[in-house]
Amino acid sequence: MALTGVEIFKMLPKTNCKKCGFPTCLAFAMQLAQRKASLDACPDVSEDAKQKLGEASAPPIRPITIGAGARAVKVGEETVLFRHEKKFVNPSILAITIKDTDGDDAAAAKISECLTSEIDRVGQKLKIDALCLVNESNDAGKFDALAKAVASKAPDVAVILSTENVDAAKAAIANFAGKKPLLYGATEANAEEMAKLAKASGASLGIKADGLDALSTLSDKVKGLGVEDIVLDSGAKTAKEMVEHNTYIRRAVLKKGNKSLGYPVINIAVREDNMLETLIAGLSIAKYAAVVVLSSAEKWKNLVMFTLRQNIYTDPQVPMQVEQKVYEIGSPKAESPLIVTTNFSLTYFIVAGEIENSKVPTWLAIMDCEGLSVLTAWAAGKFTASKIAAFIKDSGVEGKIANKELIIPGYVAILSGALEEKLEGWKITVGPREANALPSYLKSRTA
């Protein structure tokens, strides 16, 4: 059970030394209880308290890192069943398969798909996270050759080694020394050898069982063999089984305290029908899969997966927002128009996109409204005439433009009169209500 802030406080030094970055030990304890701070920040906590607090504060689903360096990805660490309760922490890893029977050209194409998959959506860089190497031939030499090719052409990408052949696993994993691959293929039959190999190579271990009872037993066995970083495959094949098994696992861990299943889950979404595969993968992302394995990474499929994953793993309690400043869209000049709006990410990217579509260079003043949209910010008293005027004056944009004209969103036309009073000498123009009207509006101003 998670400890309360007061229970944690009782085990802290109570010196209020501020070394942790918080004004008091109680404030630090409250942050620890909410998992917003790390116990490592307190240099004076006793070893006994460190052990007790470490165990109590550990997330019910173990956090695991796959890969190393800039492209390392983290899974697990989840604490809730539903994102509205708090938030989901680490987004599902999306991996595409490369079989050791595919041939050099096909393998190279898959590697290229992964490396060129990155897109920018609402200010976040989204991409395929990992490559899943599949030992379909069951031949150690072929699997080793594939591993060598991937290690050479995509050295920074996180890797999953999918094989139940211990000899093939030994050969392939040697190519990823120090890179924390996921060795996926430990079963009841090979658990001891696979566990030994995972420990020796610093890899996490993916275990495969037929059903939840067998999975729980195998998990305990592998942990008893000294492996801490485990990824679970319950043997679920159909969409129905994936939803059921993933949900049972999550509930067992969070509601019943089942430590045997307190690890991230992997789902194999690979299907011959690409549309069906996308649907299965989407279901897995929505229902608790930490690792989702796909057969390919077409751009249309990526957009579906990336968008769904981003939406599910965005903190619902914290609006997405961009930095407050005056952005230059299309190299604006002194005579270019000046538009103001809020710093809600979706508002910014939609408005900026429409301005780019217009081909009219524009100054876009983005005001910090705590990530709220225009109408919401206005209703909340954060996008008012006084605050907009103060922002415009402080931004320095006045020295960059020839005409003191400020275009405001049509939805807050009511602010125009008050703004003219606050911004003496400025002309306040009411722009379109909807962003999609901006291209024609801006072009009409230059006609």
Protein backbone atom coordinates (compact mmCIF):
# COMPACT_ATOMS: atom_id res chain seq x y z
CA MET A 1 0.00 0.00 0.00
CA ALA A 2 1.19 3.53 -0.78
CA LEU A 3 2.16 5.62 2.25
CA THR A 4 0.56 8.96 3.00
CA GLY A 5 2.60 12.15 3.21
CA VAL A 6 2.37 12.16 7.00
CA GLU A 7 3.57 8.53 7.22
CA ILE A 8 6.52 9.36 4.99
CA PHE A 9 7.27 12.51 7.02
CA LYS A 10 7.67 10.43 10.19
CA MET A 11 10.60 8.59 8.58
CA LEU A 12 12.39 11.70 7.32
CA PRO A 13 15.10 13.59 9.30
CA LYS A 14 12.70 16.52 10.09
CA THR A 15 15.54 19.05 9.88
CA ASN A 16 13.93 21.27 7.23
CA CYS A 17 17.39 21.72 5.75
CA LYS A 18 16.00 22.49 2.25
CA LYS A 19 18.73 20.36 0.61
CA CYS A 20 16.00 18.46 -1.23
CA GLY A 21 14.77 21.67 -2.86
CA PHE A 22 11.60 21.96 -0.76
CA PRO A 23 11.07 24.40 2.15
CA THR A 24 10.25 21.72 4.74
CA CYS A 25 10.50 17.97 5.24
CA LEU A 26 6.68 17.82 5.29
CA ALA A 27 6.47 19.51 1.90
CA PHE A 28 9.01 17.01 0.57
CA ALA A 29 7.03 14.12 2.09
CA MET A 30 3.85 15.31 0.37
CA GLN A 31 5.66 15.38 -2.97
CA LEU A 32 7.01 11.89 -2.36
CA ALA A 33 3.50 10.64 -1.60
CA GLN A 34 2.32 12.02 -4.94
CA ARG A 35 5.36 10.51 -6.73
CA LYS A 36 6.47 14.00 -7.79
CA ALA A 37 9.86 13.79 -6.08
CA SER A 38 12.59 11.21 -5.59
CA LEU A 39 13.85 10.01 -2.21
CA ASP A 40 17.38 10.44 -3.57
CA ALA A 41 16.91 14.21 -3.18
CA CYS A 42 17.23 13.86 0.61
CA PRO A 43 20.92 13.35 1.52
CA ASP A 44 20.27 12.79 5.22
CA VAL A 45 17.61 10.07 5.21
CA SER A 46 18.66 6.95 7.16
CA GLU A 47 19.39 3.66 5.43
CA ASP A 48 16.52 2.00 7.31
CA ALA A 49 14.08 4.70 6.21
CA LYS A 50 15.49 4.58 2.69
CA GLN A 51 14.76 0.86 2.47
CA LYS A 52 11.25 1.17 3.88
CA LEU A 53 10.35 4.20 1.83
CA GLY A 54 11.91 2.73 -1.28
CA GLU A 55 9.74 -0.36 -1.04
CA ALA A 56 6.61 1.63 -0.21
CA SER A 57 7.14 4.24 -2.91
CA ALA A 58 8.01 1.78 -5.67
CA PRO A 59 5.36 1.88 -8.41
CA PRO A 60 3.18 -1.26 -8.54
CA ILE A 61 4.23 -1.90 -12.13
CA ARG A 62 8.02 -2.02 -12.36
CA PRO A 63 9.64 0.61 -14.59
CA ILE A 64 11.92 -0.89 -17.23
CA THR A 65 14.23 0.81 -19.71
CA ILE A 66 14.87 -0.77 -23.10
CA GLY A 67 17.79 0.54 -25.08
CA ALA A 68 20.47 3.06 -24.12
CA GLY A 69 21.32 6.62 -25.00
CA ALA A 70 19.06 9.19 -26.63
CA ARG A 71 16.64 6.61 -28.08
CA ALA A 72 16.24 4.54 -24.92
CA VAL A 73 12.58 4.04 -24.03
CA LYS A 74 10.95 3.46 -20.66
CA VAL A 75 7.86 1.38 -19.93
CA GLY A 76 5.92 0.46 -16.81
CA GLU A 77 5.72 2.64 -13.68
CA GLU A 78 1.94 2.90 -14.05
CA THR A 79 -0.18 3.55 -10.96
CA VAL A 80 -3.80 3.82 -12.14
CA LEU A 81 -6.43 1.90 -14.10
CA PHE A 82 -7.90 4.93 -15.80
CA ARG A 83 -6.08 8.06 -17.01
CA HIS A 84 -8.67 10.42 -15.52
CA GLU A 85 -7.66 9.16 -12.06
CA LYS A 86 -4.18 10.61 -12.43
CA LYS A 87 -2.39 9.93 -15.70
CA PHE A 88 -0.65 7.17 -17.61
CA VAL A 89 3.11 7.59 -17.25
CA ASN A 90 5.20 5.91 -19.96
CA PRO A 91 3.75 5.66 -23.49
CA SER A 92 3.55 2.27 -25.18
CA ILE A 93 6.60 1.32 -27.21
CA LEU A 94 5.84 0.73 -30.89
CA ALA A 95 8.17 -1.80 -32.51
CA ILE A 96 8.29 -3.18 -36.05
CA THR A 97 9.44 -6.70 -36.83
CA ILE A 98 12.35 -7.81 -38.97
CA LYS A 99 12.54 -11.56 -39.57
CA ASP A 100 15.84 -13.30 -40.15
CA THR A 101 14.20 -14.88 -43.22
CA ASP A 102 13.31 -11.53 -44.82
CA GLY A 103 16.47 -11.02 -46.84
CA ASP A 104 18.93 -8.12 -46.79
CA ASP A 105 16.86 -5.68 -48.86
CA ALA A 106 13.68 -6.23 -46.85
CA ALA A 107 15.60 -5.87 -43.58
CA ALA A 108 17.23 -2.65 -44.80
CA ALA A 109 13.81 -1.30 -45.78
CA LYS A 110 12.41 -2.03 -42.31
CA ILE A 111 15.38 -0.32 -40.66
CA SER A 112 14.82 2.70 -42.90
CA GLU A 113 11.11 2.73 -42.00
CA CYS A 114 12.04 2.96 -38.34
CA LEU A 115 14.74 5.61 -38.75
CA THR A 116 12.56 7.89 -40.94
CA SER A 117 9.32 7.47 -39.00
CA GLU A 118 9.58 10.62 -36.86
CA ILE A 119 6.87 13.24 -37.18
CA ASP A 120 6.14 16.44 -35.27
CA ARG A 121 2.64 16.57 -33.81
CA VAL A 122 1.54 19.36 -31.50
CA GLY A 123 5.14 20.10 -30.59
CA GLN A 124 6.12 16.53 -29.76
CA LYS A 125 8.48 14.31 -31.74
CA LEU A 126 6.75 10.96 -32.33
CA LYS A 127 8.34 7.90 -33.90
CA ILE A 128 8.64 4.13 -34.06
CA ASP A 129 10.59 3.30 -30.91
CA ALA A 130 12.14 -0.11 -31.46
CA LEU A 131 12.99 -2.94 -33.84
CA CYS A 132 11.84 -6.46 -33.00
CA LEU A 133 14.20 -9.03 -34.50
CA VAL A 134 12.42 -12.37 -35.03
CA ASN A 135 14.32 -15.65 -35.20
CA GLU A 136 11.82 -17.23 -37.60
CA SER A 137 14.45 -19.56 -39.08
CA ASN A 138 15.35 -20.91 -35.62
CA ASP A 139 18.93 -20.75 -36.92
CA ALA A 140 21.52 -19.10 -34.67
CA GLY A 141 23.73 -18.00 -37.57
CA LYS A 142 20.94 -16.24 -39.46
CA PHE A 143 19.71 -14.52 -36.31
CA ASP A 144 23.23 -13.35 -35.51
CA ALA A 145 23.64 -11.95 -39.04
CA LEU A 146 20.41 -9.98 -38.70
CA ALA A 147 21.47 -8.67 -35.30
CA LYS A 148 24.82 -7.55 -36.71
CA ALA A 149 23.10 -5.68 -39.55
CA VAL A 150 20.73 -3.88 -37.18
CA ALA A 151 23.48 -3.05 -34.69
CA SER A 152 25.49 -1.52 -37.54
CA LYS A 153 22.74 0.40 -39.37
CA ALA A 154 20.60 1.44 -36.41
CA PRO A 155 22.99 1.49 -33.44
CA ASP A 156 20.87 3.83 -31.31
CA VAL A 157 17.48 2.16 -31.75
CA ALA A 158 16.07 0.05 -28.92
CA VAL A 159 15.99 -3.65 -29.83
CA ILE A 160 13.79 -6.63 -28.97
CA LEU A 161 15.30 -10.06 -29.64
CA SER A 162 12.45 -12.52 -30.20
CA THR A 163 13.59 -16.13 -29.96
CA GLU A 164 13.13 -19.20 -27.81
CA ASN A 165 16.38 -20.67 -29.12
CA VAL A 166 18.98 -20.12 -26.43
CA ASP A 167 21.92 -20.51 -28.81
CA ALA A 168 20.41 -17.96 -31.21
CA ALA A 169 19.78 -15.61 -28.29
CA LYS A 170 23.41 -15.91 -27.14
CA ALA A 171 24.73 -15.14 -30.61
CA ALA A 172 22.44 -12.18 -31.26
CA ILE A 173 22.61 -10.49 -27.87
CA ALA A 174 26.39 -10.22 -28.08
CA ASN A 175 25.88 -7.52 -30.73
CA PHE A 176 24.10 -5.26 -28.25
CA ALA A 177 26.49 -5.17 -25.32
CA GLY A 178 25.63 -2.31 -22.97
CA LYS A 179 22.50 -1.40 -24.95
CA LYS A 180 19.87 -3.02 -22.72
CA PRO A 181 17.90 -5.02 -25.29
CA LEU A 182 14.71 -6.88 -24.43
CA LEU A 183 15.33 -10.63 -24.72
CA TYR A 184 11.86 -11.91 -25.51
CA GLY A 185 11.33 -15.67 -25.47
CA ALA A 186 11.73 -17.13 -21.99
CA THR A 187 9.35 -20.06 -21.44
CA GLU A 188 8.92 -22.70 -18.79
CA ALA A 189 11.24 -24.94 -20.82
CA ASN A 190 14.17 -22.51 -21.23
CA ALA A 191 13.66 -20.12 -18.29
CA GLU A 192 16.87 -20.96 -16.43
CA GLU A 193 19.16 -20.51 -19.44
CA MET A 194 17.37 -17.38 -20.64
CA ALA A 195 17.45 -15.84 -17.17
CA LYS A 196 21.17 -16.52 -16.92
CA LEU A 197 21.75 -14.90 -20.31
CA ALA A 198 19.62 -11.85 -19.47
CA LYS A 199 21.50 -11.29 -16.21
CA ALA A 200 24.89 -11.63 -17.85
CA SER A 201 24.06 -9.21 -20.66
CA GLY A 202 22.10 -6.62 -18.65
CA ALA A 203 18.98 -7.25 -20.71
CA SER A 204 15.38 -7.27 -19.59
CA LEU A 205 13.58 -10.58 -20.11
CA GLY A 206 10.30 -11.15 -21.90
CA ILE A 207 8.50 -14.24 -20.62
CA LYS A 208 5.85 -16.18 -22.55
CA ALA A 209 3.18 -18.39 -20.99
CA ASP A 210 -0.17 -19.92 -21.85
CA GLY A 211 -2.64 -18.08 -19.63
CA LEU A 212 -2.47 -15.91 -16.53
CA ASP A 213 -1.89 -18.65 -13.97
CA ALA A 214 1.06 -20.04 -15.92
CA LEU A 215 2.35 -16.49 -16.43
CA SER A 216 2.27 -15.74 -12.72
CA THR A 217 4.13 -18.97 -11.94
CA LEU A 218 6.77 -18.31 -14.61
CA SER A 219 7.21 -14.73 -13.40
CA ASP A 220 7.94 -15.93 -9.86
CA LYS A 221 10.36 -18.50 -11.20
CA VAL A 222 12.29 -15.99 -13.30
CA LYS A 223 12.43 -13.49 -10.45
CA GLY A 224 13.72 -16.26 -8.21
CA LEU A 225 16.50 -16.78 -10.73
CA GLY A 226 17.64 -13.21 -10.11
CA VAL A 227 15.99 -11.31 -13.00
CA GLU A 228 14.27 -8.09 -11.91
CA ASP A 229 13.34 -6.53 -15.24
CA ILE A 230 10.57 -8.66 -16.73
CA VAL A 231 8.06 -8.12 -19.55
CA LEU A 232 4.91 -10.27 -19.64
CA ASP A 233 3.26 -12.15 -22.51
CA SER A 234 0.20 -14.08 -21.34
CA GLY A 235 -0.20 -15.85 -24.67
CA ALA A 236 -3.18 -13.69 -25.67
CA LYS A 237 -3.72 -13.92 -29.43
CA THR A 238 -7.13 -12.43 -30.22
CA ALA A 239 -8.33 -8.92 -29.50
CA LYS A 240 -10.74 -10.28 -26.91
CA GLU A 241 -7.97 -12.18 -25.10
CA MET A 242 -5.65 -9.16 -25.13
CA VAL A 243 -8.24 -6.87 -23.57
CA GLU A 244 -9.19 -9.48 -20.96
CA HIS A 245 -5.66 -10.54 -20.03
CA ASN A 246 -4.23 -7.00 -19.97
CA THR A 247 -7.11 -5.79 -17.82
CA TYR A 248 -6.89 -8.74 -15.43
CA ILE A 249 -3.16 -8.14 -15.02
CA ARG A 250 -3.57 -4.42 -14.36
CA ARG A 251 -6.40 -4.99 -11.86
CA ALA A 252 -4.56 -7.79 -10.09
CA VAL A 253 -1.55 -5.54 -9.58
CA LEU A 254 -3.30 -2.29 -8.64
CA LYS A 255 -6.31 -3.61 -6.75
CA LYS A 256 -5.03 -6.89 -5.28
CA GLY A 257 -1.33 -6.11 -4.88
CA ASN A 258 -0.27 -9.11 -7.00
CA LYS A 259 3.49 -8.62 -7.27
CA SER A 260 3.95 -11.63 -9.54
CA LEU A 261 2.27 -9.69 -12.36
CA GLY A 262 3.67 -6.25 -11.52
CA TYR A 263 5.52 -5.83 -14.82
CA PRO A 264 4.91 -4.25 -18.25
CA VAL A 265 2.93 -6.24 -20.84
CA ILE A 266 3.86 -6.99 -24.46
CA ASN A 267 1.25 -7.63 -27.19
CA ILE A 268 2.01 -9.00 -30.66
CA ALA A 269 -0.38 -7.16 -32.96
CA VAL A 270 1.10 -8.56 -36.20
CA ARG A 271 -1.62 -9.61 -38.69
CA GLU A 272 -1.72 -10.33 -42.43
CA ASP A 273 -4.48 -7.73 -42.83
CA ASN A 274 -2.83 -4.35 -42.23
CA MET A 275 -6.08 -2.63 -41.25
CA LEU A 276 -6.87 -5.36 -38.72
CA GLU A 277 -3.33 -5.06 -37.35
CA THR A 278 -3.82 -1.34 -36.85
CA LEU A 279 -7.08 -1.93 -34.99
CA ILE A 280 -5.50 -4.59 -32.77
CA ALA A 281 -2.53 -2.32 -32.05
CA GLY A 282 -4.83 0.56 -31.18
CA LEU A 283 -6.73 -1.66 -28.79
CA SER A 284 -3.47 -2.74 -27.17
CA ILE A 285 -2.35 0.87 -26.70
CA ALA A 286 -5.70 1.80 -25.17
CA LYS A 287 -5.75 -1.21 -22.86
CA TYR A 288 -2.47 -1.29 -21.03
CA ALA A 289 0.09 -2.82 -23.43
CA ALA A 290 3.55 -1.40 -22.71
CA VAL A 291 5.10 -2.86 -25.87
CA VAL A 292 3.15 -3.26 -29.12
CA VAL A 293 4.79 -5.19 -31.95
CA LEU A 294 3.77 -4.38 -35.54
CA SER A 295 4.67 -5.89 -38.90
CA SER A 296 5.35 -2.59 -40.66
CA ALA A 297 5.34 1.19 -40.30
CA GLU A 298 3.49 2.79 -43.20
CA LYS A 299 2.98 6.52 -42.71
CA TRP A 300 -0.82 6.28 -42.52
CA LYS A 301 -0.55 3.58 -39.85
CA ASN A 302 2.04 5.57 -37.93
CA LEU A 303 -0.23 8.62 -37.84
CA VAL A 304 -3.05 6.53 -36.38
CA MET A 305 -0.83 4.90 -33.76
CA PHE A 306 1.07 8.05 -32.83
CA THR A 307 -2.06 10.17 -32.47
CA LEU A 308 -3.88 7.59 -30.34
CA ARG A 309 -0.87 6.99 -28.12
CA GLN A 310 -0.18 10.70 -27.68
CA ASN A 311 -3.78 11.40 -26.71
CA ILE A 312 -3.96 8.55 -24.20
CA TYR A 313 -0.63 9.37 -22.58
CA THR A 314 -1.18 13.12 -22.29
CA ASP A 315 -1.83 14.22 -18.71
CA PRO A 316 -5.56 15.12 -18.66
CA GLN A 317 -4.99 17.46 -15.72
CA VAL A 318 -2.34 19.57 -17.46
CA PRO A 319 -3.22 21.21 -20.80
CA MET A 320 -0.55 20.96 -23.47
CA GLN A 321 1.05 24.34 -24.00
CA VAL A 322 3.79 26.11 -25.89
CA GLU A 323 6.20 28.84 -24.82
CA GLN A 324 4.96 32.41 -24.50
CA LYS A 325 6.66 34.59 -27.11
CA VAL A 326 6.15 36.26 -30.48
CA TYR A 327 6.68 33.67 -33.20
CA GLU A 328 7.80 34.58 -36.71
CA ILE A 329 5.74 32.71 -39.30
CA GLY A 330 7.21 32.99 -42.81
CA SER A 331 9.88 35.67 -42.16
CA PRO A 332 7.59 38.61 -41.31
CA LYS A 333 8.64 42.21 -41.98
CA ALA A 334 7.76 45.49 -40.28
CA GLU A 335 4.54 45.82 -42.27
CA SER A 336 3.40 42.23 -41.61
CA PRO A 337 0.24 41.64 -39.52
CA LEU A 338 0.36 40.85 -35.80
CA ILE A 339 -2.05 38.23 -34.41
CA VAL A 340 -2.47 37.30 -30.74
CA THR A 341 -3.86 34.08 -29.28
CA THR A 342 -3.36 31.71 -26.33
CA ASN A 343 -0.63 29.14 -25.72
CA PHE A 344 -2.83 26.02 -25.86
CA SER A 345 -0.72 23.72 -28.09
CA LEU A 346 -3.56 22.75 -30.40
CA THR A 347 -4.54 26.41 -30.83
CA TYR A 348 -0.95 27.37 -31.65
CA PHE A 349 -0.32 24.62 -34.18
CA ILE A 350 -3.66 25.04 -35.94
CA VAL A 351 -3.29 28.83 -36.18
CA ALA A 352 0.37 28.62 -37.20
CA GLY A 353 -0.49 26.00 -39.82
CA GLU A 354 -3.23 28.13 -41.33
CA ILE A 355 -0.94 31.16 -41.41
CA GLU A 356 1.68 29.08 -43.24
CA ASN A 357 -1.01 27.95 -45.70
CA SER A 358 -1.86 31.58 -46.42
CA LYS A 359 1.75 32.33 -47.49
CA VAL A 360 1.39 35.69 -45.72
CA PRO A 361 4.34 36.36 -43.38
CA THR A 362 2.89 37.10 -39.94
CA TRP A 363 3.89 37.90 -36.37
CA LEU A 364 2.08 35.43 -34.07
CA ALA A 365 2.00 36.56 -30.43
CA ILE A 366 1.39 33.56 -28.17
CA MET A 367 0.33 34.55 -24.67
CA ASP A 368 0.68 32.29 -21.62
CA CYS A 369 -2.84 31.36 -20.52
CA GLU A 370 -1.81 28.14 -18.75
CA GLY A 371 -2.53 26.07 -21.83
CA LEU A 372 -6.19 27.07 -22.15
CA SER A 373 -8.02 27.68 -25.43
CA VAL A 374 -9.23 31.18 -26.33
CA LEU A 375 -12.79 31.00 -25.01
CA THR A 376 -11.81 28.99 -21.93
CA ALA A 377 -8.98 31.39 -21.11
CA TRP A 378 -11.27 34.39 -21.55
CA ALA A 379 -13.93 32.82 -19.31
CA ALA A 380 -11.28 32.03 -16.70
CA GLY A 381 -9.99 35.61 -16.66
CA LYS A 382 -6.61 34.70 -18.15
CA PHE A 383 -7.11 36.21 -21.63
CA THR A 384 -8.33 39.69 -20.74
CA ALA A 385 -7.70 43.14 -22.17
CA SER A 386 -5.38 44.10 -19.31
CA LYS A 387 -3.30 40.93 -19.56
CA ILE A 388 -3.11 41.02 -23.37
CA ALA A 389 -2.02 44.65 -23.27
CA ALA A 390 0.66 43.94 -20.68
CA PHE A 391 1.94 41.00 -22.74
CA ILE A 392 2.13 43.02 -25.96
CA LYS A 393 3.96 45.87 -24.21
CA ASP A 394 6.45 43.52 -22.54
CA SER A 395 7.04 41.38 -25.64
CA GLY A 396 9.02 44.03 -27.51
CA VAL A 397 7.05 43.41 -30.69
CA GLU A 398 6.14 47.11 -30.93
CA GLY A 399 9.69 47.87 -32.02
CA LYS A 400 9.48 45.32 -34.83
CA ILE A 401 6.30 46.45 -36.55
CA ALA A 402 5.49 49.55 -38.59
CA ASN A 403 1.79 49.78 -37.80
CA LYS A 404 0.36 49.44 -34.31
CA GLU A 405 -2.39 47.04 -35.25
CA LEU A 406 -3.29 43.95 -33.23
CA ILE A 407 -5.58 41.25 -34.62
CA ILE A 408 -7.54 39.37 -31.93
CA PRO A 409 -9.56 36.13 -32.28
CA GLY A 410 -13.15 36.67 -33.41
CA TYR A 411 -14.45 34.72 -30.42
CA VAL A 412 -13.28 37.51 -28.08
CA ALA A 413 -14.41 40.48 -30.17
CA ILE A 414 -15.88 41.86 -26.96
CA LEU A 415 -12.33 42.72 -25.83
CA SER A 416 -11.64 45.15 -28.70
CA GLY A 417 -12.91 48.30 -26.97
CA ALA A 418 -11.13 47.63 -23.68
CA LEU A 419 -7.92 46.75 -25.53
CA GLU A 420 -7.91 50.06 -27.40
CA GLU A 421 -8.10 51.79 -24.03
CA LYS A 422 -5.27 49.70 -22.58
CA LEU A 423 -3.07 49.90 -25.70
CA GLU A 424 -3.07 53.61 -26.39
CA GLY A 425 -2.37 54.44 -30.02
CA TRP A 426 -3.07 50.91 -31.22
CA LYS A 427 -5.73 49.78 -33.65
CA ILE A 428 -7.52 46.61 -32.52
CA THR A 429 -8.91 44.49 -35.35
CA VAL A 430 -11.24 41.55 -34.85
CA GLY A 431 -10.07 38.54 -36.86
CA PRO A 432 -11.93 35.36 -37.89
CA ARG A 433 -13.67 33.18 -35.33
CA GLU A 434 -12.26 29.99 -36.83
CA ALA A 435 -8.63 29.36 -37.76
CA ASN A 436 -9.53 27.85 -41.14
CA ALA A 437 -10.72 31.31 -42.24
CA LEU A 438 -7.26 32.83 -41.66
CA PRO A 439 -5.77 32.16 -45.14
CA SER A 440 -8.51 34.03 -47.00
CA TYR A 441 -8.60 36.74 -44.32
CA LEU A 442 -4.85 37.40 -44.47
CA LYS A 443 -4.76 37.29 -48.27
CA SER A 444 -7.61 39.80 -48.45
CA ARG A 445 -5.61 42.24 -46.34
CA THR A 446 -2.75 42.22 -48.85
CA ALA A 447 -4.91 42.34 -51.98
